[in-house]
């Protein structure tokens, strides 16, 4: 299992650029949302 405790498909060298971009898009969306939520928690909002 990875850091999140979720088992994933094995990483391979055949990962396409489209998959890499999708992963980057998801990571960015989640990081942005988390930062927004953390700011709201800090402001007790």
ModelCIF file with pLDDT and N, C-alpha, C, O atoms, coordinates in Angstrom:
data_MODEL
#
_entry.id   MODEL 
#
_entity.id                         1 
_entity.type                       polymer 
_entity.pdbx_number_of_molecules   1 
#
_entity_poly.entity_id                      1 
_entity_poly.type                           'polypeptide(L)' 
_entity_poly.nstd_linkage                   no 
_entity_poly.nstd_monomer                   no 
_entity_poly.pdbx_seq_one_letter_code       
;(UNK)(UNK)(UNK)(UNK)(UNK)(UNK)(UNK)(UNK)(UNK)(UNK)(UNK)(UNK)(UNK)(UNK)(UNK)(UNK)
(UNK)(UNK)(UNK)(UNK)(UNK)(UNK)(UNK)(UNK)(UNK)(UNK)(UNK)(UNK)(UNK)(UNK)(UNK)(UNK)
(UNK)(UNK)(UNK)(UNK)(UNK)(UNK)(UNK)(UNK)(UNK)(UNK)(UNK)(UNK)(UNK)
;
_entity_poly.pdbx_seq_one_letter_code_can   XXXXXXXXXXXXXXXXXXXXXXXXXXXXXXXXXXXXXXXXXXXXX 
_entity_poly.pdbx_strand_id                 A 
#
loop_
_entity_poly_seq.entity_id 
_entity_poly_seq.num 
_entity_poly_seq.mon_id 
_entity_poly_seq.hetero 
1 1  UNK n 
1 2  UNK n 
1 3  UNK n 
1 4  UNK n 
1 5  UNK n 
1 6  UNK n 
1 7  UNK n 
1 8  UNK n 
1 9  UNK n 
1 10 UNK n 
1 11 UNK n 
1 12 UNK n 
1 13 UNK n 
1 14 UNK n 
1 15 UNK n 
1 16 UNK n 
1 17 UNK n 
1 18 UNK n 
1 19 UNK n 
1 20 UNK n 
1 21 UNK n 
1 22 UNK n 
1 23 UNK n 
1 24 UNK n 
1 25 UNK n 
1 26 UNK n 
1 27 UNK n 
1 28 UNK n 
1 29 UNK n 
1 30 UNK n 
1 31 UNK n 
1 32 UNK n 
1 33 UNK n 
1 34 UNK n 
1 35 UNK n 
1 36 UNK n 
1 37 UNK n 
1 38 UNK n 
1 39 UNK n 
1 40 UNK n 
1 41 UNK n 
1 42 UNK n 
1 43 UNK n 
1 44 UNK n 
1 45 UNK n 
#
_struct_asym.id          A 
_struct_asym.entity_id   1 
#
loop_
_ma_qa_metric.id 
_ma_qa_metric.mode 
_ma_qa_metric.name 
_ma_qa_metric.software_group_id 
_ma_qa_metric.type 
1 global pLDDT . pLDDT 
2 local  pLDDT . pLDDT 
#
_ma_qa_metric_global.metric_id      1 
_ma_qa_metric_global.metric_value   73.58 
_ma_qa_metric_global.model_id       1 
_ma_qa_metric_global.ordinal_id     1 
#
loop_
_ma_qa_metric_local.label_asym_id 
_ma_qa_metric_local.label_comp_id 
_ma_qa_metric_local.label_seq_id 
_ma_qa_metric_local.metric_id 
_ma_qa_metric_local.metric_value 
_ma_qa_metric_local.model_id 
_ma_qa_metric_local.ordinal_id 
A UNK 1  2 42.00 1 1  
A UNK 2  2 42.00 1 2  
A UNK 3  2 39.00 1 3  
A UNK 4  2 41.00 1 4  
A UNK 5  2 43.00 1 5  
A UNK 6  2 44.00 1 6  
A UNK 7  2 47.00 1 7  
A UNK 8  2 49.00 1 8  
A UNK 9  2 50.00 1 9  
A UNK 10 2 49.00 1 10 
A UNK 11 2 51.00 1 11 
A UNK 12 2 52.00 1 12 
A UNK 13 2 51.00 1 13 
A UNK 14 2 62.00 1 14 
A UNK 15 2 67.00 1 15 
A UNK 16 2 80.00 1 16 
A UNK 17 2 82.00 1 17 
A UNK 18 2 76.00 1 18 
A UNK 19 2 73.00 1 19 
A UNK 20 2 80.00 1 20 
A UNK 21 2 82.00 1 21 
A UNK 22 2 75.00 1 22 
A UNK 23 2 79.00 1 23 
A UNK 24 2 84.00 1 24 
A UNK 25 2 80.00 1 25 
A UNK 26 2 79.00 1 26 
A UNK 27 2 86.00 1 27 
A UNK 28 2 87.00 1 28 
A UNK 29 2 83.00 1 29 
A UNK 30 2 87.00 1 30 
A UNK 31 2 91.00 1 31 
A UNK 32 2 90.00 1 32 
A UNK 33 2 89.00 1 33 
A UNK 34 2 90.00 1 34 
A UNK 35 2 92.00 1 35 
A UNK 36 2 91.00 1 36 
A UNK 37 2 90.00 1 37 
A UNK 38 2 92.00 1 38 
A UNK 39 2 92.00 1 39 
A UNK 40 2 91.00 1 40 
A UNK 41 2 90.00 1 41 
A UNK 42 2 93.00 1 42 
A UNK 43 2 93.00 1 43 
A UNK 44 2 94.00 1 44 
A UNK 45 2 91.00 1 45 
#
loop_
_atom_site.group_PDB 
_atom_site.id 
_atom_site.type_symbol 
_atom_site.label_atom_id 
_atom_site.label_alt_id 
_atom_site.label_comp_id 
_atom_site.label_asym_id 
_atom_site.label_entity_id 
_atom_site.label_seq_id 
_atom_site.pdbx_PDB_ins_code 
_atom_site.Cartn_x 
_atom_site.Cartn_y 
_atom_site.Cartn_z 
_atom_site.occupancy 
_atom_site.B_iso_or_equiv 
_atom_site.pdbx_formal_charge 
_atom_site.auth_seq_id 
_atom_site.auth_comp_id 
_atom_site.auth_asym_id 
_atom_site.auth_atom_id 
_atom_site.pdbx_PDB_model_num 
ATOM 1   N N  . UNK A 1 1  ? 0.846   -1.186 0.000   1.00 42.00 ? 1  UNK A N  1 
ATOM 2   C CA . UNK A 1 1  ? 0.000   0.000  0.000   1.00 42.00 ? 1  UNK A CA 1 
ATOM 3   C C  . UNK A 1 1  ? 0.883   1.237  0.000   1.00 42.00 ? 1  UNK A C  1 
ATOM 4   O O  . UNK A 1 1  ? 1.967   1.233  0.584   1.00 42.00 ? 1  UNK A O  1 
ATOM 5   N N  . UNK A 1 2  ? 0.424   2.286  -0.649  1.00 42.00 ? 2  UNK A N  1 
ATOM 6   C CA . UNK A 1 2  ? 1.159   3.544  -0.702  1.00 42.00 ? 2  UNK A CA 1 
ATOM 7   C C  . UNK A 1 2  ? 0.957   4.339  0.581   1.00 42.00 ? 2  UNK A C  1 
ATOM 8   O O  . UNK A 1 2  ? 0.392   3.825  1.546   1.00 42.00 ? 2  UNK A O  1 
ATOM 9   N N  . UNK A 1 3  ? 1.418   5.597  0.600   1.00 39.00 ? 3  UNK A N  1 
ATOM 10  C CA . UNK A 1 3  ? 1.326   6.434  1.800   1.00 39.00 ? 3  UNK A CA 1 
ATOM 11  C C  . UNK A 1 3  ? -0.111  6.629  2.274   1.00 39.00 ? 3  UNK A C  1 
ATOM 12  O O  . UNK A 1 3  ? -0.343  6.830  3.466   1.00 39.00 ? 3  UNK A O  1 
ATOM 13  N N  . UNK A 1 4  ? -1.076  6.574  1.358   1.00 41.00 ? 4  UNK A N  1 
ATOM 14  C CA . UNK A 1 4  ? -2.471  6.770  1.746   1.00 41.00 ? 4  UNK A CA 1 
ATOM 15  C C  . UNK A 1 4  ? -3.087  5.493  2.278   1.00 41.00 ? 4  UNK A C  1 
ATOM 16  O O  . UNK A 1 4  ? -4.214  5.509  2.773   1.00 41.00 ? 4  UNK A O  1 
ATOM 17  N N  . UNK A 1 5  ? -2.356  4.371  2.182   1.00 43.00 ? 5  UNK A N  1 
ATOM 18  C CA . UNK A 1 5  ? -2.902  3.091  2.611   1.00 43.00 ? 5  UNK A CA 1 
ATOM 19  C C  . UNK A 1 5  ? -3.693  2.400  1.526   1.00 43.00 ? 5  UNK A C  1 
ATOM 20  O O  . UNK A 1 5  ? -4.246  1.325  1.760   1.00 43.00 ? 5  UNK A O  1 
ATOM 21  N N  . UNK A 1 6  ? -3.763  2.984  0.346   1.00 44.00 ? 6  UNK A N  1 
ATOM 22  C CA . UNK A 1 6  ? -4.532  2.416  -0.760  1.00 44.00 ? 6  UNK A CA 1 
ATOM 23  C C  . UNK A 1 6  ? -3.588  1.700  -1.704  1.00 44.00 ? 6  UNK A C  1 
ATOM 24  O O  . UNK A 1 6  ? -2.566  2.248  -2.115  1.00 44.00 ? 6  UNK A O  1 
ATOM 25  N N  . UNK A 1 7  ? -3.934  0.493  -2.037  1.00 47.00 ? 7  UNK A N  1 
ATOM 26  C CA . UNK A 1 7  ? -3.136  -0.261 -2.994  1.00 47.00 ? 7  UNK A CA 1 
ATOM 27  C C  . UNK A 1 7  ? -3.471  0.220  -4.397  1.00 47.00 ? 7  UNK A C  1 
ATOM 28  O O  . UNK A 1 7  ? -4.636  0.459  -4.715  1.00 47.00 ? 7  UNK A O  1 
ATOM 29  N N  . UNK A 1 8  ? -2.472  0.360  -5.218  1.00 49.00 ? 8  UNK A N  1 
ATOM 30  C CA . UNK A 1 8  ? -2.680  0.828  -6.581  1.00 49.00 ? 8  UNK A CA 1 
ATOM 31  C C  . UNK A 1 8  ? -2.147  -0.174 -7.572  1.00 49.00 ? 8  UNK A C  1 
ATOM 32  O O  . UNK A 1 8  ? -1.516  -1.165 -7.207  1.00 49.00 ? 8  UNK A O  1 
ATOM 33  N N  . UNK A 1 9  ? -2.409  0.098  -8.816  1.00 50.00 ? 9  UNK A N  1 
ATOM 34  C CA . UNK A 1 9  ? -1.851  -0.726 -9.881  1.00 50.00 ? 9  UNK A CA 1 
ATOM 35  C C  . UNK A 1 9  ? -0.348  -0.508 -9.906  1.00 50.00 ? 9  UNK A C  1 
ATOM 36  O O  . UNK A 1 9  ? 0.123   0.578  -9.565  1.00 50.00 ? 9  UNK A O  1 
ATOM 37  N N  . UNK A 1 10 ? 0.405   -1.512 -10.299 1.00 49.00 ? 10 UNK A N  1 
ATOM 38  C CA . UNK A 1 10 ? 1.854   -1.350 -10.309 1.00 49.00 ? 10 UNK A CA 1 
ATOM 39  C C  . UNK A 1 10 ? 2.291   -0.251 -11.269 1.00 49.00 ? 10 UNK A C  1 
ATOM 40  O O  . UNK A 1 10 ? 1.733   -0.099 -12.356 1.00 49.00 ? 10 UNK A O  1 
ATOM 41  N N  . UNK A 1 11 ? 3.286   0.502  -10.857 1.00 51.00 ? 11 UNK A N  1 
ATOM 42  C CA . UNK A 1 11 ? 3.845   1.538  -11.728 1.00 51.00 ? 11 UNK A CA 1 
ATOM 43  C C  . UNK A 1 11 ? 4.652   0.850  -12.818 1.00 51.00 ? 11 UNK A C  1 
ATOM 44  O O  . UNK A 1 11 ? 5.388   -0.101 -12.555 1.00 51.00 ? 11 UNK A O  1 
ATOM 45  N N  . UNK A 1 12 ? 4.508   1.331  -14.025 1.00 52.00 ? 12 UNK A N  1 
ATOM 46  C CA . UNK A 1 12 ? 5.268   0.755  -15.134 1.00 52.00 ? 12 UNK A CA 1 
ATOM 47  C C  . UNK A 1 12 ? 5.894   1.870  -15.932 1.00 52.00 ? 12 UNK A C  1 
ATOM 48  O O  . UNK A 1 12 ? 5.528   3.038  -15.804 1.00 52.00 ? 12 UNK A O  1 
ATOM 49  N N  . UNK A 1 13 ? 6.849   1.485  -16.761 1.00 51.00 ? 13 UNK A N  1 
ATOM 50  C CA . UNK A 1 13 ? 7.483   2.485  -17.607 1.00 51.00 ? 13 UNK A CA 1 
ATOM 51  C C  . UNK A 1 13 ? 6.605   2.832  -18.807 1.00 51.00 ? 13 UNK A C  1 
ATOM 52  O O  . UNK A 1 13 ? 6.937   3.731  -19.579 1.00 51.00 ? 13 UNK A O  1 
ATOM 53  N N  . UNK A 1 14 ? 5.478   2.117  -18.969 1.00 62.00 ? 14 UNK A N  1 
ATOM 54  C CA . UNK A 1 14 ? 4.608   2.360  -20.116 1.00 62.00 ? 14 UNK A CA 1 
ATOM 55  C C  . UNK A 1 14 ? 3.523   3.400  -19.822 1.00 62.00 ? 14 UNK A C  1 
ATOM 56  O O  . UNK A 1 14 ? 2.572   3.527  -20.594 1.00 62.00 ? 14 UNK A O  1 
ATOM 57  N N  . UNK A 1 15 ? 3.648   4.139  -18.729 1.00 67.00 ? 15 UNK A N  1 
ATOM 58  C CA . UNK A 1 15 ? 2.676   5.176  -18.395 1.00 67.00 ? 15 UNK A CA 1 
ATOM 59  C C  . UNK A 1 15 ? 2.763   6.269  -19.452 1.00 67.00 ? 15 UNK A C  1 
ATOM 60  O O  . UNK A 1 15 ? 3.840   6.790  -19.743 1.00 67.00 ? 15 UNK A O  1 
ATOM 61  N N  . UNK A 1 16 ? 1.621   6.602  -20.015 1.00 80.00 ? 16 UNK A N  1 
ATOM 62  C CA . UNK A 1 16 ? 1.596   7.592  -21.090 1.00 80.00 ? 16 UNK A CA 1 
ATOM 63  C C  . UNK A 1 16 ? 1.657   9.010  -20.541 1.00 80.00 ? 16 UNK A C  1 
ATOM 64  O O  . UNK A 1 16 ? 1.450   9.240  -19.350 1.00 80.00 ? 16 UNK A O  1 
ATOM 65  N N  . UNK A 1 17 ? 1.941   9.942  -21.416 1.00 82.00 ? 17 UNK A N  1 
ATOM 66  C CA . UNK A 1 17 ? 1.954   11.352 -21.037 1.00 82.00 ? 17 UNK A CA 1 
ATOM 67  C C  . UNK A 1 17 ? 0.560   11.786 -20.586 1.00 82.00 ? 17 UNK A C  1 
ATOM 68  O O  . UNK A 1 17 ? 0.429   12.611 -19.682 1.00 82.00 ? 17 UNK A O  1 
ATOM 69  N N  . UNK A 1 18 ? -0.476  11.236 -21.211 1.00 76.00 ? 18 UNK A N  1 
ATOM 70  C CA . UNK A 1 18 ? -1.847  11.568 -20.828 1.00 76.00 ? 18 UNK A CA 1 
ATOM 71  C C  . UNK A 1 18 ? -2.117  11.154 -19.375 1.00 76.00 ? 18 UNK A C  1 
ATOM 72  O O  . UNK A 1 18 ? -2.764  11.886 -18.627 1.00 76.00 ? 18 UNK A O  1 
ATOM 73  N N  . UNK A 1 19 ? -1.617  9.980  -18.985 1.00 73.00 ? 19 UNK A N  1 
ATOM 74  C CA . UNK A 1 19 ? -1.780  9.517  -17.610 1.00 73.00 ? 19 UNK A CA 1 
ATOM 75  C C  . UNK A 1 19 ? -0.988  10.410 -16.658 1.00 73.00 ? 19 UNK A C  1 
ATOM 76  O O  . UNK A 1 19 ? -1.485  10.778 -15.594 1.00 73.00 ? 19 UNK A O  1 
ATOM 77  N N  . UNK A 1 20 ? 0.230   10.754 -17.035 1.00 80.00 ? 20 UNK A N  1 
ATOM 78  C CA . UNK A 1 20 ? 1.034   11.652 -16.196 1.00 80.00 ? 20 UNK A CA 1 
ATOM 79  C C  . UNK A 1 20 ? 0.326   12.992 -15.996 1.00 80.00 ? 20 UNK A C  1 
ATOM 80  O O  . UNK A 1 20 ? 0.304   13.533 -14.890 1.00 80.00 ? 20 UNK A O  1 
ATOM 81  N N  . UNK A 1 21 ? -0.253  13.519 -17.076 1.00 82.00 ? 21 UNK A N  1 
ATOM 82  C CA . UNK A 1 21 ? -0.958  14.803 -16.987 1.00 82.00 ? 21 UNK A CA 1 
ATOM 83  C C  . UNK A 1 21 ? -2.198  14.676 -16.116 1.00 82.00 ? 21 UNK A C  1 
ATOM 84  O O  . UNK A 1 21 ? -2.487  15.571 -15.322 1.00 82.00 ? 21 UNK A O  1 
ATOM 85  N N  . UNK A 1 22 ? -2.930  13.583 -16.251 1.00 75.00 ? 22 UNK A N  1 
ATOM 86  C CA . UNK A 1 22 ? -4.125  13.372 -15.421 1.00 75.00 ? 22 UNK A CA 1 
ATOM 87  C C  . UNK A 1 22 ? -3.738  13.308 -13.946 1.00 75.00 ? 22 UNK A C  1 
ATOM 88  O O  . UNK A 1 22 ? -4.428  13.872 -13.097 1.00 75.00 ? 22 UNK A O  1 
ATOM 89  N N  . UNK A 1 23 ? -2.644  12.625 -13.643 1.00 79.00 ? 23 UNK A N  1 
ATOM 90  C CA . UNK A 1 23 ? -2.170  12.551 -12.255 1.00 79.00 ? 23 UNK A CA 1 
ATOM 91  C C  . UNK A 1 23 ? -1.791  13.936 -11.746 1.00 79.00 ? 23 UNK A C  1 
ATOM 92  O O  . UNK A 1 23 ? -2.123  14.297 -10.617 1.00 79.00 ? 23 UNK A O  1 
ATOM 93  N N  . UNK A 1 24 ? -1.106  14.703 -12.568 1.00 84.00 ? 24 UNK A N  1 
ATOM 94  C CA . UNK A 1 24 ? -0.707  16.055 -12.172 1.00 84.00 ? 24 UNK A CA 1 
ATOM 95  C C  . UNK A 1 24 ? -1.933  16.937 -11.955 1.00 84.00 ? 24 UNK A C  1 
ATOM 96  O O  . UNK A 1 24 ? -1.975  17.720 -11.005 1.00 84.00 ? 24 UNK A O  1 
ATOM 97  N N  . UNK A 1 25 ? -2.933  16.814 -12.833 1.00 80.00 ? 25 UNK A N  1 
ATOM 98  C CA . UNK A 1 25 ? -4.161  17.593 -12.699 1.00 80.00 ? 25 UNK A CA 1 
ATOM 99  C C  . UNK A 1 25 ? -4.874  17.261 -11.395 1.00 80.00 ? 25 UNK A C  1 
ATOM 100 O O  . UNK A 1 25 ? -5.340  18.153 -10.686 1.00 80.00 ? 25 UNK A O  1 
ATOM 101 N N  . UNK A 1 26 ? -4.956  15.951 -11.081 1.00 79.00 ? 26 UNK A N  1 
ATOM 102 C CA . UNK A 1 26 ? -5.626  15.538 -9.857  1.00 79.00 ? 26 UNK A CA 1 
ATOM 103 C C  . UNK A 1 26 ? -4.861  16.042 -8.639  1.00 79.00 ? 26 UNK A C  1 
ATOM 104 O O  . UNK A 1 26 ? -5.465  16.557 -7.698  1.00 79.00 ? 26 UNK A O  1 
ATOM 105 N N  . UNK A 1 27 ? -3.546  15.900 -8.648  1.00 86.00 ? 27 UNK A N  1 
ATOM 106 C CA . UNK A 1 27 ? -2.739  16.352 -7.519  1.00 86.00 ? 27 UNK A CA 1 
ATOM 107 C C  . UNK A 1 27 ? -2.918  17.855 -7.305  1.00 86.00 ? 27 UNK A C  1 
ATOM 108 O O  . UNK A 1 27 ? -3.063  18.312 -6.171  1.00 86.00 ? 27 UNK A O  1 
ATOM 109 N N  . UNK A 1 28 ? -2.908  18.617 -8.395  1.00 87.00 ? 28 UNK A N  1 
ATOM 110 C CA . UNK A 1 28 ? -3.076  20.065 -8.283  1.00 87.00 ? 28 UNK A CA 1 
ATOM 111 C C  . UNK A 1 28 ? -4.453  20.415 -7.719  1.00 87.00 ? 28 UNK A C  1 
ATOM 112 O O  . UNK A 1 28 ? -4.559  21.261 -6.831  1.00 87.00 ? 28 UNK A O  1 
ATOM 113 N N  . UNK A 1 29 ? -5.498  19.779 -8.223  1.00 83.00 ? 29 UNK A N  1 
ATOM 114 C CA . UNK A 1 29 ? -6.859  20.062 -7.748  1.00 83.00 ? 29 UNK A CA 1 
ATOM 115 C C  . UNK A 1 29 ? -6.992  19.736 -6.262  1.00 83.00 ? 29 UNK A C  1 
ATOM 116 O O  . UNK A 1 29 ? -7.600  20.497 -5.510  1.00 83.00 ? 29 UNK A O  1 
ATOM 117 N N  . UNK A 1 30 ? -6.427  18.614 -5.842  1.00 87.00 ? 30 UNK A N  1 
ATOM 118 C CA . UNK A 1 30 ? -6.519  18.219 -4.438  1.00 87.00 ? 30 UNK A CA 1 
ATOM 119 C C  . UNK A 1 30 ? -5.684  19.134 -3.536  1.00 87.00 ? 30 UNK A C  1 
ATOM 120 O O  . UNK A 1 30 ? -6.118  19.494 -2.442  1.00 87.00 ? 30 UNK A O  1 
ATOM 121 N N  . UNK A 1 31 ? -4.489  19.507 -3.996  1.00 91.00 ? 31 UNK A N  1 
ATOM 122 C CA . UNK A 1 31 ? -3.637  20.391 -3.195  1.00 91.00 ? 31 UNK A CA 1 
ATOM 123 C C  . UNK A 1 31 ? -4.286  21.765 -3.030  1.00 91.00 ? 31 UNK A C  1 
ATOM 124 O O  . UNK A 1 31 ? -4.241  22.351 -1.949  1.00 91.00 ? 31 UNK A O  1 
ATOM 125 N N  . UNK A 1 32 ? -4.884  22.271 -4.095  1.00 90.00 ? 32 UNK A N  1 
ATOM 126 C CA . UNK A 1 32 ? -5.559  23.570 -4.039  1.00 90.00 ? 32 UNK A CA 1 
ATOM 127 C C  . UNK A 1 32 ? -6.752  23.511 -3.090  1.00 90.00 ? 32 UNK A C  1 
ATOM 128 O O  . UNK A 1 32 ? -6.937  24.402 -2.260  1.00 90.00 ? 32 UNK A O  1 
ATOM 129 N N  . UNK A 1 33 ? -7.563  22.457 -3.215  1.00 89.00 ? 33 UNK A N  1 
ATOM 130 C CA . UNK A 1 33 ? -8.728  22.305 -2.343  1.00 89.00 ? 33 UNK A CA 1 
ATOM 131 C C  . UNK A 1 33 ? -8.304  22.175 -0.886  1.00 89.00 ? 33 UNK A C  1 
ATOM 132 O O  . UNK A 1 33 ? -8.915  22.777 -0.003  1.00 89.00 ? 33 UNK A O  1 
ATOM 133 N N  . UNK A 1 34 ? -7.262  21.393 -0.634  1.00 90.00 ? 34 UNK A N  1 
ATOM 134 C CA . UNK A 1 34 ? -6.776  21.219 0.730   1.00 90.00 ? 34 UNK A CA 1 
ATOM 135 C C  . UNK A 1 34 ? -6.281  22.549 1.313   1.00 90.00 ? 34 UNK A C  1 
ATOM 136 O O  . UNK A 1 34 ? -6.567  22.868 2.467   1.00 90.00 ? 34 UNK A O  1 
ATOM 137 N N  . UNK A 1 35 ? -5.552  23.309 0.526   1.00 92.00 ? 35 UNK A N  1 
ATOM 138 C CA . UNK A 1 35 ? -5.070  24.614 0.999   1.00 92.00 ? 35 UNK A CA 1 
ATOM 139 C C  . UNK A 1 35 ? -6.251  25.532 1.328   1.00 92.00 ? 35 UNK A C  1 
ATOM 140 O O  . UNK A 1 35 ? -6.231  26.229 2.343   1.00 92.00 ? 35 UNK A O  1 
ATOM 141 N N  . UNK A 1 36 ? -7.275  25.535 0.475   1.00 91.00 ? 36 UNK A N  1 
ATOM 142 C CA . UNK A 1 36 ? -8.461  26.355 0.728   1.00 91.00 ? 36 UNK A CA 1 
ATOM 143 C C  . UNK A 1 36 ? -9.161  25.925 2.019   1.00 91.00 ? 36 UNK A C  1 
ATOM 144 O O  . UNK A 1 36 ? -9.553  26.765 2.830   1.00 91.00 ? 36 UNK A O  1 
ATOM 145 N N  . UNK A 1 37 ? -9.315  24.605 2.204   1.00 90.00 ? 37 UNK A N  1 
ATOM 146 C CA . UNK A 1 37 ? -9.976  24.103 3.404   1.00 90.00 ? 37 UNK A CA 1 
ATOM 147 C C  . UNK A 1 37 ? -9.159  24.402 4.662   1.00 90.00 ? 37 UNK A C  1 
ATOM 148 O O  . UNK A 1 37 ? -9.719  24.752 5.701   1.00 90.00 ? 37 UNK A O  1 
ATOM 149 N N  . UNK A 1 38 ? -7.837  24.265 4.565   1.00 92.00 ? 38 UNK A N  1 
ATOM 150 C CA . UNK A 1 38 ? -6.985  24.582 5.716   1.00 92.00 ? 38 UNK A CA 1 
ATOM 151 C C  . UNK A 1 38 ? -7.107  26.061 6.100   1.00 92.00 ? 38 UNK A C  1 
ATOM 152 O O  . UNK A 1 38 ? -7.134  26.398 7.284   1.00 92.00 ? 38 UNK A O  1 
ATOM 153 N N  . UNK A 1 39 ? -7.180  26.932 5.104   1.00 92.00 ? 39 UNK A N  1 
ATOM 154 C CA . UNK A 1 39 ? -7.352  28.362 5.380   1.00 92.00 ? 39 UNK A CA 1 
ATOM 155 C C  . UNK A 1 39 ? -8.698  28.629 6.067   1.00 92.00 ? 39 UNK A C  1 
ATOM 156 O O  . UNK A 1 39 ? -8.784  29.464 6.968   1.00 92.00 ? 39 UNK A O  1 
ATOM 157 N N  . UNK A 1 40 ? -9.741  27.919 5.639   1.00 91.00 ? 40 UNK A N  1 
ATOM 158 C CA . UNK A 1 40 ? -11.056 28.084 6.266   1.00 91.00 ? 40 UNK A CA 1 
ATOM 159 C C  . UNK A 1 40 ? -11.047 27.584 7.703   1.00 91.00 ? 40 UNK A C  1 
ATOM 160 O O  . UNK A 1 40 ? -11.629 28.218 8.583   1.00 91.00 ? 40 UNK A O  1 
ATOM 161 N N  . UNK A 1 41 ? -10.386 26.444 7.949   1.00 90.00 ? 41 UNK A N  1 
ATOM 162 C CA . UNK A 1 41 ? -10.285 25.923 9.310   1.00 90.00 ? 41 UNK A CA 1 
ATOM 163 C C  . UNK A 1 41 ? -9.532  26.916 10.190  1.00 90.00 ? 41 UNK A C  1 
ATOM 164 O O  . UNK A 1 41 ? -9.943  27.184 11.318  1.00 90.00 ? 41 UNK A O  1 
ATOM 165 N N  . UNK A 1 42 ? -8.435  27.459 9.678   1.00 93.00 ? 42 UNK A N  1 
ATOM 166 C CA . UNK A 1 42 ? -7.645  28.433 10.441  1.00 93.00 ? 42 UNK A CA 1 
ATOM 167 C C  . UNK A 1 42 ? -8.470  29.672 10.770  1.00 93.00 ? 42 UNK A C  1 
ATOM 168 O O  . UNK A 1 42 ? -8.288  30.283 11.823  1.00 93.00 ? 42 UNK A O  1 
ATOM 169 N N  . UNK A 1 43 ? -9.378  30.039 9.867   1.00 93.00 ? 43 UNK A N  1 
ATOM 170 C CA . UNK A 1 43 ? -10.223 31.216 10.081  1.00 93.00 ? 43 UNK A CA 1 
ATOM 171 C C  . UNK A 1 43 ? -11.526 30.862 10.802  1.00 93.00 ? 43 UNK A C  1 
ATOM 172 O O  . UNK A 1 43 ? -12.387 31.720 11.002  1.00 93.00 ? 43 UNK A O  1 
ATOM 173 N N  . UNK A 1 44 ? -11.664 29.570 11.196  1.00 94.00 ? 44 UNK A N  1 
ATOM 174 C CA . UNK A 1 44 ? -12.882 29.077 11.846  1.00 94.00 ? 44 UNK A CA 1 
ATOM 175 C C  . UNK A 1 44 ? -14.119 29.350 10.993  1.00 94.00 ? 44 UNK A C  1 
ATOM 176 O O  . UNK A 1 44 ? -15.179 29.701 11.510  1.00 94.00 ? 44 UNK A O  1 
ATOM 177 N N  . UNK A 1 45 ? -13.967 29.183 9.676   1.00 91.00 ? 45 UNK A N  1 
ATOM 178 C CA . UNK A 1 45 ? -15.062 29.433 8.741   1.00 91.00 ? 45 UNK A CA 1 
ATOM 179 C C  . UNK A 1 45 ? -15.724 28.119 8.327   1.00 91.00 ? 45 UNK A C  1 
ATOM 180 O O  . UNK A 1 45 ? -16.670 28.125 7.540   1.00 91.00 ? 45 UNK A O  1 
#
